[in-house]
């Protein structure tokens, strides 16, 4: 297990902790994914979320219909134009999720020590004695003594909103369970999770494929969150589906690890996926509680070393109904940052929570404070050691640019990129200063017409936000800006100087560059990759 990334320099003066941090309107380096829902659908609220630090909007299709999500996305586009802040779009699949179907929507009271039967017969009405489920194979995979967890919004551990069931016997296709705690469930769907039991359901349901093929294609989603990823083959099959849809061939797949099966095949999944989401709601049930932290630290370390973004979920559940996080939750957010998380994903907190904007703002502040004590020097050494020698050309350039920025105490690194690969490589080394990723279009010709690819591929009049730039918005420390499409990647050095001036002006406007600052620039000149250092004049 890698050593801690916490940096505390001796002597530690405890009173200094109370000193206010340097004021800045620039967000934390760690990104925030916000789930949009009933409490965060309006243009006003979404605009506030963007200003507070949200950079990726998640659309969860386990709730709401396509029309509801379409209207929310239109509101997001309006908010982006109003705030002039880029925001990526993530579609979250339902996946192999067991669900209790309560057609009436009436409350169901479950009492401790009573018995309830889970049945695949969807014709039956849900009650405190019988609960219809969407899977007809549960009786074949569970046995007496197995634990089953049920709740409306996954599992918060609250005795009033989720319930623990213990299998007492199997009767044909039905599973009879003893209720371990009293709870009242309301709504039409509850989620079911059988602890450490392999469920033979497809990772992409027919509904998921339909949503991706319609809503996903229409809106050219940036990320697909692949729920209940259990094998690398799940990612490969999903990528084949996206490739067949044409417009989604560039969509990145984030594998959501939610159970022991996904944990067991983590290395092969990481190799295939573009990023990883640690879904701690379900993982916290499938794993013994004392093992959750160990998986988080190990998984984040693996993601960091190969330079793939990692996202942590379920950090401030209590802020769904409260204005402040618990002490444990605040510490949990900071530890996720110190462990190496690229982004924090907020679910119910922004989806249906009472304080969505305050939650994003609070998480952003905690991330900012944690980043101030992140031991970048130790992390850099670990990353370089992991890569080994000889380094690839691009790896050498990336690590050298970050090392130079550290040595000269640069205020920012500016990276010119047309594919995003160079910028992500810089971010992999976790420099303490922001990386301004200047996304430059690539000019192509087929002798009949000229076209731009890269940031401007798939450019639409009603959607001026481009995939490549938006996909940087989930990577820690990366802040994209779009270059003028009239200045493609193959332009002259004079053109590059023009783009650099625009980038520097953009950095000044953001408040991250000022007079006499040193700036490290990473760019390609012809076939050569160049790292240079400039010092700004008055």
Protein backbone atom coordinates (compact mmCIF):
# COMPACT_ATOMS: atom_id res chain seq x y z
CA UNK A 1 0.00 0.00 0.00
CA UNK A 2 1.44 3.42 -0.94
CA UNK A 3 2.40 5.78 1.86
CA UNK A 4 0.21 8.74 2.76
CA UNK A 5 -0.09 11.76 0.48
CA UNK A 6 -0.65 14.12 3.41
CA UNK A 7 1.97 16.84 3.79
CA UNK A 8 2.37 18.46 7.21
CA UNK A 9 5.63 20.34 7.74
CA UNK A 10 7.22 20.47 11.19
CA UNK A 11 6.80 22.32 13.43
CA UNK A 12 3.03 22.08 13.20
CA UNK A 13 1.44 25.21 14.65
CA UNK A 14 -2.10 24.17 15.55
CA UNK A 15 -3.43 27.75 15.66
CA UNK A 16 -2.51 28.15 11.98
CA UNK A 17 -5.32 25.75 11.08
CA UNK A 18 -7.80 28.46 12.05
CA UNK A 19 -6.25 31.03 9.75
CA UNK A 20 -8.46 31.69 6.70
CA UNK A 21 -7.14 30.35 3.41
CA UNK A 22 -6.09 32.75 0.69
CA UNK A 23 -9.24 33.99 -1.00
CA UNK A 24 -9.79 32.85 -4.56
CA UNK A 25 -12.71 32.53 -6.90
CA UNK A 26 -10.92 29.75 -8.78
CA UNK A 27 -12.40 26.31 -7.98
CA UNK A 28 -10.60 23.41 -6.37
CA UNK A 29 -8.45 21.20 -8.62
CA UNK A 30 -10.67 18.23 -7.73
CA UNK A 31 -13.78 18.15 -9.91
CA UNK A 32 -17.40 17.79 -8.79
CA UNK A 33 -20.01 15.69 -10.58
CA UNK A 34 -23.54 16.77 -9.70
CA UNK A 35 -26.65 14.65 -10.33
CA UNK A 36 -29.48 16.77 -11.72
CA UNK A 37 -33.01 15.97 -10.58
CA UNK A 38 -36.20 17.38 -9.01
CA UNK A 39 -34.34 19.88 -6.81
CA UNK A 40 -31.80 20.93 -9.44
CA UNK A 41 -33.66 21.19 -12.75
CA UNK A 42 -34.14 24.94 -13.12
CA UNK A 43 -31.80 27.26 -15.00
CA UNK A 44 -31.35 29.29 -11.82
CA UNK A 45 -30.25 26.35 -9.65
CA UNK A 46 -28.04 24.83 -12.37
CA UNK A 47 -26.34 28.20 -12.90
CA UNK A 48 -25.63 28.36 -9.17
CA UNK A 49 -24.25 24.81 -9.22
CA UNK A 50 -21.86 25.74 -12.05
CA UNK A 51 -20.68 28.84 -10.19
CA UNK A 52 -20.22 26.78 -7.01
CA UNK A 53 -17.88 24.32 -8.75
CA UNK A 54 -19.87 21.62 -10.59
CA UNK A 55 -18.15 20.70 -13.85
CA UNK A 56 -19.98 17.50 -14.85
CA UNK A 57 -23.77 17.04 -14.87
CA UNK A 58 -24.97 13.47 -14.28
CA UNK A 59 -28.30 12.24 -15.65
CA UNK A 60 -29.53 9.18 -13.76
CA UNK A 61 -32.09 7.22 -15.78
CA UNK A 62 -33.16 5.09 -12.83
CA UNK A 63 -35.33 8.14 -12.13
CA UNK A 64 -37.48 10.20 -14.52
CA UNK A 65 -38.28 9.79 -18.20
CA UNK A 66 -36.46 10.95 -21.34
CA UNK A 67 -38.57 14.09 -21.70
CA UNK A 68 -37.81 15.18 -18.14
CA UNK A 69 -34.08 14.70 -18.67
CA UNK A 70 -34.25 16.42 -22.07
CA UNK A 71 -35.77 19.54 -20.51
CA UNK A 72 -33.17 19.49 -17.73
CA UNK A 73 -30.40 19.28 -20.34
CA UNK A 74 -31.86 22.25 -22.23
CA UNK A 75 -31.79 24.18 -18.95
CA UNK A 76 -28.16 23.12 -18.49
CA UNK A 77 -27.25 24.49 -21.93
CA UNK A 78 -28.93 27.79 -21.06
CA UNK A 79 -27.07 27.93 -17.72
CA UNK A 80 -23.76 27.26 -19.47
CA UNK A 81 -24.33 30.18 -21.83
CA UNK A 82 -25.34 32.47 -18.97
CA UNK A 83 -22.40 31.59 -16.70
CA UNK A 84 -19.85 31.02 -19.50
CA UNK A 85 -18.70 27.87 -17.69
CA UNK A 86 -18.15 24.58 -19.52
CA UNK A 87 -19.98 21.53 -18.22
CA UNK A 88 -19.77 17.91 -19.39
CA UNK A 89 -22.73 15.52 -19.61
CA UNK A 90 -22.70 12.05 -18.04
CA UNK A 91 -25.40 9.44 -18.70
CA UNK A 92 -25.73 6.88 -15.90
CA UNK A 93 -27.18 3.50 -16.86
CA UNK A 94 -29.47 1.46 -14.62
CA UNK A 95 -27.58 -1.77 -15.31
CA UNK A 96 -28.01 -5.06 -13.48
CA UNK A 97 -29.99 -3.48 -10.67
CA UNK A 98 -32.48 -5.53 -8.68
CA UNK A 99 -35.66 -3.57 -8.02
CA UNK A 100 -38.81 -3.98 -5.97
CA UNK A 101 -41.85 -2.86 -7.99
CA UNK A 102 -44.52 -1.06 -5.98
CA UNK A 103 -47.16 -0.19 -8.62
CA UNK A 104 -49.45 1.63 -6.17
CA UNK A 105 -46.68 3.86 -4.78
CA UNK A 106 -48.23 3.54 -1.30
CA UNK A 107 -46.05 3.40 1.80
CA UNK A 108 -44.96 -0.05 2.92
CA UNK A 109 -44.24 -0.52 6.61
CA UNK A 110 -41.80 -3.32 7.45
CA UNK A 111 -41.42 -4.33 11.11
CA UNK A 112 -38.43 -5.92 12.79
CA UNK A 113 -38.63 -9.74 13.15
CA UNK A 114 -41.60 -10.00 10.75
CA UNK A 115 -41.36 -12.12 7.58
CA UNK A 116 -41.60 -10.80 4.01
CA UNK A 117 -41.51 -12.76 0.73
CA UNK A 118 -39.65 -11.60 -2.40
CA UNK A 119 -41.35 -12.89 -5.54
CA UNK A 120 -40.70 -12.52 -9.30
CA UNK A 121 -44.48 -12.42 -9.88
CA UNK A 122 -44.98 -8.78 -10.95
CA UNK A 123 -48.77 -9.27 -11.06
CA UNK A 124 -48.88 -9.22 -7.27
CA UNK A 125 -49.25 -5.97 -5.37
CA UNK A 126 -46.46 -4.88 -3.04
CA UNK A 127 -47.28 -5.04 0.67
CA UNK A 128 -45.60 -5.61 4.03
CA UNK A 129 -45.97 -9.39 3.43
CA UNK A 130 -44.92 -9.72 -0.23
CA UNK A 131 -42.64 -7.67 -2.51
CA UNK A 132 -42.51 -8.25 -6.30
CA UNK A 133 -39.01 -7.96 -7.84
CA UNK A 134 -37.77 -7.57 -11.43
CA UNK A 135 -35.55 -10.70 -11.43
CA UNK A 136 -36.81 -14.28 -11.63
CA UNK A 137 -33.50 -15.93 -10.71
CA UNK A 138 -32.97 -14.67 -7.15
CA UNK A 139 -34.13 -17.95 -5.59
CA UNK A 140 -31.44 -19.82 -7.54
CA UNK A 141 -28.50 -17.76 -6.25
CA UNK A 142 -29.30 -17.08 -2.58
CA UNK A 143 -29.33 -19.45 0.38
CA UNK A 144 -30.37 -19.37 4.01
CA UNK A 145 -28.40 -16.79 5.97
CA UNK A 146 -27.61 -14.51 3.00
CA UNK A 147 -28.16 -10.80 3.58
CA UNK A 148 -30.33 -8.66 1.27
CA UNK A 149 -30.49 -4.88 1.56
CA UNK A 150 -33.35 -2.76 0.31
CA UNK A 151 -34.00 0.99 0.05
CA UNK A 152 -35.45 3.73 -2.15
CA UNK A 153 -32.23 5.68 -2.70
CA UNK A 154 -29.65 2.93 -2.38
CA UNK A 155 -28.59 2.52 1.23
CA UNK A 156 -27.82 5.32 3.63
CA UNK A 157 -27.87 3.05 6.66
CA UNK A 158 -30.80 4.99 8.09
CA UNK A 159 -33.19 2.61 9.80
CA UNK A 160 -36.18 4.60 8.52
CA UNK A 161 -35.34 4.51 4.80
CA UNK A 162 -33.58 1.18 4.25
CA UNK A 163 -33.97 -2.33 5.55
CA UNK A 164 -31.79 -5.38 6.09
CA UNK A 165 -33.32 -8.76 5.26
CA UNK A 166 -31.93 -12.19 6.10
CA UNK A 167 -32.90 -15.14 3.90
CA UNK A 168 -34.70 -17.76 5.99
CA UNK A 169 -35.80 -20.14 3.22
CA UNK A 170 -36.32 -20.52 -0.53
CA UNK A 171 -39.73 -21.65 -1.81
CA UNK A 172 -39.71 -22.32 -5.54
CA UNK A 173 -39.09 -18.94 -7.19
CA UNK A 174 -39.83 -17.04 -3.97
CA UNK A 175 -37.37 -16.00 -1.27
CA UNK A 176 -38.66 -15.75 2.30
CA UNK A 177 -36.78 -13.28 4.51
CA UNK A 178 -36.74 -12.15 8.14
CA UNK A 179 -36.79 -8.34 8.58
CA UNK A 180 -33.84 -7.23 10.73
CA UNK A 181 -34.92 -3.60 11.29
CA UNK A 182 -38.13 -1.60 11.04
CA UNK A 183 -38.47 0.73 8.05
CA UNK A 184 -41.07 2.56 6.00
CA UNK A 185 -40.57 2.53 2.23
CA UNK A 186 -42.45 4.79 -0.17
CA UNK A 187 -42.44 5.32 -3.93
CA UNK A 188 -42.80 2.98 -6.91
CA UNK A 189 -39.27 1.51 -7.01
CA UNK A 190 -36.83 0.35 -4.34
CA UNK A 191 -33.34 -0.94 -4.99
CA UNK A 192 -32.37 -4.42 -3.84
CA UNK A 193 -28.82 -5.65 -3.21
CA UNK A 194 -27.88 -9.23 -2.34
CA UNK A 195 -24.53 -9.10 -0.53
CA UNK A 196 -21.71 -10.98 -2.31
CA UNK A 197 -24.15 -12.85 -4.56
CA UNK A 198 -23.55 -12.99 -8.32
CA UNK A 199 -26.64 -11.88 -10.23
CA UNK A 200 -27.02 -13.19 -13.79
CA UNK A 201 -28.38 -10.02 -15.40
CA UNK A 202 -26.90 -8.14 -18.38
CA UNK A 203 -24.75 -5.12 -17.57
CA UNK A 204 -26.63 -3.14 -20.23
CA UNK A 205 -30.37 -3.74 -20.08
CA UNK A 206 -32.61 -3.30 -23.12
CA UNK A 207 -33.86 -0.08 -21.55
CA UNK A 208 -30.26 1.15 -21.18
CA UNK A 209 -29.55 0.43 -24.86
CA UNK A 210 -32.71 2.25 -25.89
CA UNK A 211 -31.84 5.32 -23.80
CA UNK A 212 -28.26 5.40 -25.13
CA UNK A 213 -29.40 4.98 -28.74
CA UNK A 214 -32.00 7.74 -28.48
CA UNK A 215 -31.32 10.27 -25.71
CA UNK A 216 -27.57 9.63 -25.66
CA UNK A 217 -27.14 10.03 -29.43
CA UNK A 218 -29.40 13.07 -29.64
CA UNK A 219 -27.39 14.86 -26.97
CA UNK A 220 -23.91 13.55 -27.83
CA UNK A 221 -23.07 12.59 -24.26
CA UNK A 222 -19.47 13.01 -23.08
CA UNK A 223 -19.41 10.18 -20.53
CA UNK A 224 -21.28 6.94 -20.02
CA UNK A 225 -21.33 5.66 -16.44
CA UNK A 226 -21.55 1.88 -16.83
CA UNK A 227 -23.35 0.66 -13.71
CA UNK A 228 -22.51 -2.72 -12.19
CA UNK A 229 -19.41 -3.30 -14.32
CA UNK A 230 -18.20 -6.79 -13.41
CA UNK A 231 -15.81 -7.77 -16.23
CA UNK A 232 -13.65 -6.12 -18.87
CA UNK A 233 -15.95 -7.69 -21.47
CA UNK A 234 -18.76 -5.45 -20.16
CA UNK A 235 -16.72 -2.40 -21.20
CA UNK A 236 -15.75 -3.90 -24.57
CA UNK A 237 -19.35 -4.72 -25.46
CA UNK A 238 -20.47 -1.24 -24.46
CA UNK A 239 -17.73 0.34 -26.56
CA UNK A 240 -18.88 -1.71 -29.54
CA UNK A 241 -22.40 -0.38 -29.03
CA UNK A 242 -21.18 3.22 -28.85
CA UNK A 243 -19.02 2.75 -31.96
CA UNK A 244 -22.01 1.37 -33.88
CA UNK A 245 -23.94 4.54 -33.07
CA UNK A 246 -21.40 6.76 -34.82
CA UNK A 247 -22.00 10.00 -32.94
CA UNK A 248 -20.99 8.34 -29.64
CA UNK A 249 -17.73 6.81 -30.85
CA UNK A 250 -15.79 9.41 -28.81
CA UNK A 251 -17.90 9.00 -25.65
CA UNK A 252 -15.76 7.89 -22.72
CA UNK A 253 -16.83 4.91 -20.63
CA UNK A 254 -16.47 5.10 -16.84
CA UNK A 255 -16.78 1.66 -15.27
CA UNK A 256 -18.80 1.77 -12.07
CA UNK A 257 -17.43 -0.71 -9.53
CA UNK A 258 -20.28 -1.71 -7.22
CA UNK A 259 -19.66 -5.22 -5.95
CA UNK A 260 -17.09 -7.90 -5.15
CA UNK A 261 -17.25 -9.27 -8.69
CA UNK A 262 -16.12 -5.90 -10.07
CA UNK A 263 -13.44 -5.65 -7.38
CA UNK A 264 -12.10 -9.11 -8.30
CA UNK A 265 -11.71 -8.11 -11.96
CA UNK A 266 -10.62 -4.54 -11.25
CA UNK A 267 -7.28 -4.66 -13.08
CA UNK A 268 -8.73 -5.94 -16.35
CA UNK A 269 -11.63 -3.45 -16.12
CA UNK A 270 -9.21 -0.57 -15.54
CA UNK A 271 -7.27 -1.54 -18.64
CA UNK A 272 -10.39 -1.32 -20.84
CA UNK A 273 -12.27 1.62 -19.30
CA UNK A 274 -11.54 5.34 -19.75
CA UNK A 275 -12.11 5.97 -16.06
CA UNK A 276 -13.42 4.37 -12.85
CA UNK A 277 -16.28 5.28 -10.51
CA UNK A 278 -16.05 3.78 -7.02
CA UNK A 279 -19.73 3.34 -6.15
CA UNK A 280 -19.34 3.15 -2.41
CA UNK A 281 -23.08 2.89 -1.73
CA UNK A 282 -23.25 -0.68 -2.99
CA UNK A 283 -19.59 -1.46 -2.31
CA UNK A 284 -20.10 -0.54 1.33
CA UNK A 285 -22.71 -3.31 1.50
CA UNK A 286 -20.91 -5.96 -0.51
CA UNK A 287 -17.63 -5.48 1.36
CA UNK A 288 -17.07 -5.83 5.11
CA UNK A 289 -17.08 -2.24 6.48
CA UNK A 290 -13.48 -2.53 7.66
CA UNK A 291 -12.33 -3.29 4.10
CA UNK A 292 -13.97 -0.36 2.28
CA UNK A 293 -11.15 2.12 2.99
CA UNK A 294 -8.55 -0.38 1.82
CA UNK A 295 -10.27 -0.92 -1.53
CA UNK A 296 -10.66 2.85 -2.01
CA UNK A 297 -6.97 3.55 -1.41
CA UNK A 298 -5.77 0.65 -3.56
CA UNK A 299 -8.17 1.40 -6.44
CA UNK A 300 -7.35 5.11 -6.50
CA UNK A 301 -3.63 4.36 -6.47
CA UNK A 302 -3.99 2.03 -9.45
CA UNK A 303 -6.00 4.63 -11.39
CA UNK A 304 -3.47 7.38 -10.56
CA UNK A 305 -0.48 5.39 -11.71
CA UNK A 306 -1.95 4.63 -15.15
CA UNK A 307 -3.33 8.15 -15.54
CA UNK A 308 -7.02 7.30 -15.69
CA UNK A 309 -9.52 9.49 -13.81
CA UNK A 310 -11.13 8.06 -10.68
CA UNK A 311 -14.38 9.27 -9.14
CA UNK A 312 -15.55 8.65 -5.56
CA UNK A 313 -19.24 8.61 -4.58
CA UNK A 314 -21.33 8.85 -1.39
CA UNK A 315 -19.33 11.31 0.67
CA UNK A 316 -21.85 13.78 2.18
CA UNK A 317 -25.13 11.84 2.33
CA UNK A 318 -26.34 13.81 5.35
CA UNK A 319 -26.36 17.03 3.32
CA UNK A 320 -29.39 15.66 1.47
CA UNK A 321 -31.39 17.02 4.40
CA UNK A 322 -28.87 19.11 6.35
CA UNK A 323 -26.96 22.29 5.65
CA UNK A 324 -23.67 21.00 7.05
CA UNK A 325 -21.89 17.66 6.60
CA UNK A 326 -21.01 15.50 9.59
CA UNK A 327 -17.46 15.62 10.89
CA UNK A 328 -16.85 12.13 9.49
CA UNK A 329 -18.16 13.17 6.06
CA UNK A 330 -15.98 16.29 5.91
CA UNK A 331 -12.95 14.15 6.77
CA UNK A 332 -14.04 11.56 4.19
CA UNK A 333 -14.06 14.16 1.39
CA UNK A 334 -10.57 15.34 2.34
CA UNK A 335 -9.27 11.77 2.50
CA UNK A 336 -10.68 11.04 -0.96
CA UNK A 337 -8.64 13.99 -2.28
CA UNK A 338 -5.49 12.87 -0.44
CA UNK A 339 -6.00 9.31 -1.68
CA UNK A 340 -5.93 10.60 -5.27
CA UNK A 341 -9.54 11.03 -6.40
CA UNK A 342 -10.01 13.13 -9.55
CA UNK A 343 -13.63 13.95 -8.81
CA UNK A 344 -16.35 13.69 -6.17
CA UNK A 345 -19.76 12.49 -7.37
CA UNK A 346 -22.82 13.85 -5.59
CA UNK A 347 -26.02 11.83 -5.98
CA UNK A 348 -29.06 12.37 -3.79
CA UNK A 349 -27.39 15.48 -2.32
CA UNK A 350 -27.97 17.47 -5.52
CA UNK A 351 -30.66 15.27 -7.12
CA UNK A 352 -33.33 15.54 -4.44
CA UNK A 353 -31.48 17.23 -1.59
CA UNK A 354 -32.68 20.39 0.12
CA UNK A 355 -29.33 22.19 -0.28
CA UNK A 356 -27.81 21.27 -3.68
CA UNK A 357 -25.82 24.49 -4.19
CA UNK A 358 -24.57 24.62 -0.62
CA UNK A 359 -23.46 20.99 -0.92
CA UNK A 360 -21.35 21.66 -4.03
CA UNK A 361 -19.88 24.77 -2.43
CA UNK A 362 -19.01 22.90 0.78
CA UNK A 363 -17.40 19.96 -1.02
CA UNK A 364 -15.40 22.36 -3.21
CA UNK A 365 -14.05 24.17 -0.13
CA UNK A 366 -13.06 20.91 1.57
CA UNK A 367 -11.30 19.72 -1.60
CA UNK A 368 -9.45 23.05 -1.84
CA UNK A 369 -8.19 22.75 1.75
CA UNK A 370 -7.12 19.13 1.26
CA UNK A 371 -5.19 20.01 -1.90
CA UNK A 372 -3.14 22.56 0.07
CA UNK A 373 -1.63 19.73 2.15
CA UNK A 374 -1.33 17.18 -0.65
CA UNK A 375 2.24 15.84 -0.68
CA UNK A 376 2.93 16.44 -4.37
CA UNK A 377 6.66 15.78 -4.09
CA UNK A 378 6.10 12.28 -2.71
CA UNK A 379 3.37 11.59 -5.25
CA UNK A 380 5.57 12.75 -8.17
CA UNK A 381 8.36 10.40 -7.13
CA UNK A 382 5.94 7.46 -6.89
CA UNK A 383 4.51 8.23 -10.34
CA UNK A 384 7.94 8.47 -11.98
CA UNK A 385 9.10 5.26 -10.27
CA UNK A 386 5.98 3.43 -11.44
CA UNK A 387 6.58 4.44 -15.08
CA UNK A 388 10.19 3.26 -14.90
CA UNK A 389 12.91 3.67 -17.53
CA UNK A 390 13.24 4.12 -20.37
CA UNK A 391 10.24 6.44 -20.51
CA UNK A 392 8.25 6.98 -23.67
CA UNK A 393 8.85 10.28 -25.46
CA UNK A 394 5.50 11.75 -24.39
CA UNK A 395 5.85 10.51 -20.80
CA UNK A 396 9.28 12.12 -20.58
CA UNK A 397 7.99 15.44 -21.90
CA UNK A 398 5.00 15.39 -19.52
CA UNK A 399 6.98 14.60 -16.39
CA UNK A 400 9.69 17.12 -17.36
CA UNK A 401 7.11 19.88 -17.82
CA UNK A 402 5.66 19.22 -14.37
CA UNK A 403 9.12 19.03 -12.81
CA UNK A 404 10.05 22.36 -14.43
CA UNK A 405 6.85 23.96 -13.16
CA UNK A 406 7.67 22.78 -9.63
CA UNK A 407 11.27 24.04 -9.78
CA UNK A 408 10.40 27.53 -11.02
CA UNK A 409 7.21 27.73 -8.92
CA UNK A 410 5.10 28.41 -12.00
CA UNK A 411 1.59 29.72 -11.44
CA UNK A 412 0.14 27.66 -14.29
CA UNK A 413 1.04 25.10 -16.97
CA UNK A 414 -0.35 25.79 -20.44
CA UNK A 415 -0.67 22.77 -22.69
CA UNK A 416 -1.59 22.89 -26.39
CA UNK A 417 -3.45 19.71 -27.35
CA UNK A 418 -5.60 18.41 -30.18
CA UNK A 419 -6.32 14.94 -28.76
CA UNK A 420 -6.26 15.69 -25.02
CA UNK A 421 -3.64 13.01 -24.38
CA UNK A 422 -0.79 15.38 -23.53
CA UNK A 423 -2.94 17.38 -21.10
CA UNK A 424 -4.13 14.24 -19.31
CA UNK A 425 -0.55 13.04 -19.04
CA UNK A 426 0.47 16.28 -17.33
CA UNK A 427 -2.48 15.94 -14.95
CA UNK A 428 -1.36 12.42 -14.08
CA UNK A 429 1.64 13.90 -12.21
CA UNK A 430 -0.68 16.04 -10.04
CA UNK A 431 1.10 19.42 -10.24
CA UNK A 432 -0.05 21.84 -7.52
CA UNK A 433 -0.78 24.52 -10.12
CA UNK A 434 -3.70 24.35 -12.60
CA UNK A 435 -3.16 23.05 -16.14
CA UNK A 436 -4.76 25.24 -18.78
CA UNK A 437 -5.53 22.84 -21.61
CA UNK A 438 -5.80 24.76 -24.89
CA UNK A 439 -7.83 22.50 -27.18
CA UNK A 440 -6.78 23.09 -30.78
CA UNK A 441 -8.74 21.63 -33.72
CA UNK A 442 -6.98 19.40 -36.22
CA UNK A 443 -7.41 20.24 -39.90
CA UNK A 444 -8.14 17.37 -42.29
CA UNK A 445 -8.80 17.22 -46.02
CA UNK A 446 -10.07 14.52 -48.35
CA UNK A 447 -9.14 16.60 -51.44
CA UNK A 448 -12.77 17.60 -51.88
CA UNK A 449 -13.42 19.55 -48.70
CA UNK A 450 -11.75 20.74 -45.53
CA UNK A 451 -13.02 19.79 -42.09
CA UNK A 452 -12.02 20.26 -38.46
CA UNK A 453 -11.67 17.36 -36.02
CA UNK A 454 -10.79 17.18 -32.35
CA UNK A 455 -12.52 19.81 -30.23
CA UNK A 456 -14.72 20.95 -33.07
CA UNK A 457 -15.78 17.58 -34.41
CA UNK A 458 -19.57 17.28 -34.37
CA UNK A 459 -19.95 21.04 -33.92
CA UNK A 460 -23.61 22.05 -33.79
CA UNK A 461 -25.13 25.49 -33.86
CA UNK A 462 -27.29 24.80 -30.80
CA UNK A 463 -24.49 23.18 -28.80
CA UNK A 464 -21.24 25.19 -28.69
CA UNK A 465 -19.68 22.94 -26.05
CA UNK A 466 -17.30 20.40 -27.56
CA UNK A 467 -16.60 16.85 -26.49
CA UNK A 468 -12.83 16.90 -26.15
CA UNK A 469 -12.75 20.03 -23.99
CA UNK A 470 -15.63 18.80 -21.85
CA UNK A 471 -13.95 15.46 -21.21
CA UNK A 472 -11.15 17.33 -19.43
CA UNK A 473 -13.68 18.51 -16.88
CA UNK A 474 -13.54 15.26 -14.88
CA UNK A 475 -9.72 15.20 -14.63
CA UNK A 476 -8.16 16.73 -11.54
CA UNK A 477 -6.27 19.95 -12.28
CA UNK A 478 -7.30 20.25 -15.95
CA UNK A 479 -9.14 23.39 -17.05
CA UNK A 480 -9.90 23.49 -20.80
CA UNK A 481 -10.30 26.43 -23.13
CA UNK A 482 -11.18 26.30 -26.82
CA UNK A 483 -8.79 27.72 -29.39
CA UNK A 484 -10.09 29.57 -32.43
CA UNK A 485 -10.91 26.97 -35.13
CA UNK A 486 -9.20 29.27 -37.64
CA UNK A 487 -5.92 28.33 -35.91
CA UNK A 488 -5.66 24.53 -36.36
CA UNK A 489 -2.97 22.33 -34.88
CA UNK A 490 -0.76 22.40 -37.97
CA UNK A 491 -0.46 26.20 -37.90
CA UNK A 492 2.77 28.17 -37.80
CA UNK A 493 4.67 29.24 -34.72
CA UNK A 494 3.34 32.77 -35.21
CA UNK A 495 -0.19 31.41 -34.95
CA UNK A 496 0.76 29.48 -31.82
CA UNK A 497 2.02 32.72 -30.26
CA UNK A 498 -1.36 34.27 -30.98
CA UNK A 499 -3.14 31.38 -29.27
CA UNK A 500 -0.68 31.60 -26.35
CA UNK A 501 -1.53 35.27 -25.86
CA UNK A 502 -5.22 34.39 -25.76
CA UNK A 503 -4.49 31.63 -23.23
CA UNK A 504 -2.48 33.99 -21.03
CA UNK A 505 -5.26 36.57 -21.15
CA UNK A 506 -7.73 33.84 -20.22
CA UNK A 507 -5.55 32.86 -17.25
CA UNK A 508 -5.38 36.47 -16.13
CA UNK A 509 -9.16 36.77 -16.35
CA UNK A 510 -9.49 33.64 -14.20
CA UNK A 511 -7.14 35.16 -11.63
CA UNK A 512 -4.52 32.42 -11.84
CA UNK A 513 -1.89 34.47 -13.74
CA UNK A 514 -0.53 37.87 -12.77
CA UNK A 515 2.45 40.09 -13.60
CA UNK A 516 5.93 38.58 -13.06
CA UNK A 517 4.49 35.05 -12.77
CA UNK A 518 6.34 32.21 -14.43
CA UNK A 519 4.41 30.02 -16.81
CA UNK A 520 5.41 26.63 -18.23
CA UNK A 521 4.24 25.94 -21.77
CA UNK A 522 4.02 22.48 -23.34
CA UNK A 523 3.40 22.36 -27.09
CA UNK A 524 4.33 20.72 -30.37
CA UNK A 525 6.33 22.58 -32.98
CA UNK A 526 6.35 20.47 -36.11
CA UNK A 527 7.39 16.97 -35.07
CA UNK A 528 9.10 18.18 -31.89
CA UNK A 529 7.57 18.49 -28.43
CA UNK A 530 8.75 21.60 -26.61
CA UNK A 531 8.66 22.67 -22.96
CA UNK A 532 9.48 26.31 -22.35
CA UNK A 533 9.34 28.70 -19.41
CA UNK A 534 8.32 32.34 -19.73
CA UNK A 535 8.15 35.14 -17.16
CA UNK A 536 5.41 37.67 -17.64
CA UNK A 537 6.15 41.37 -17.75
CA UNK A 538 3.97 44.10 -16.29
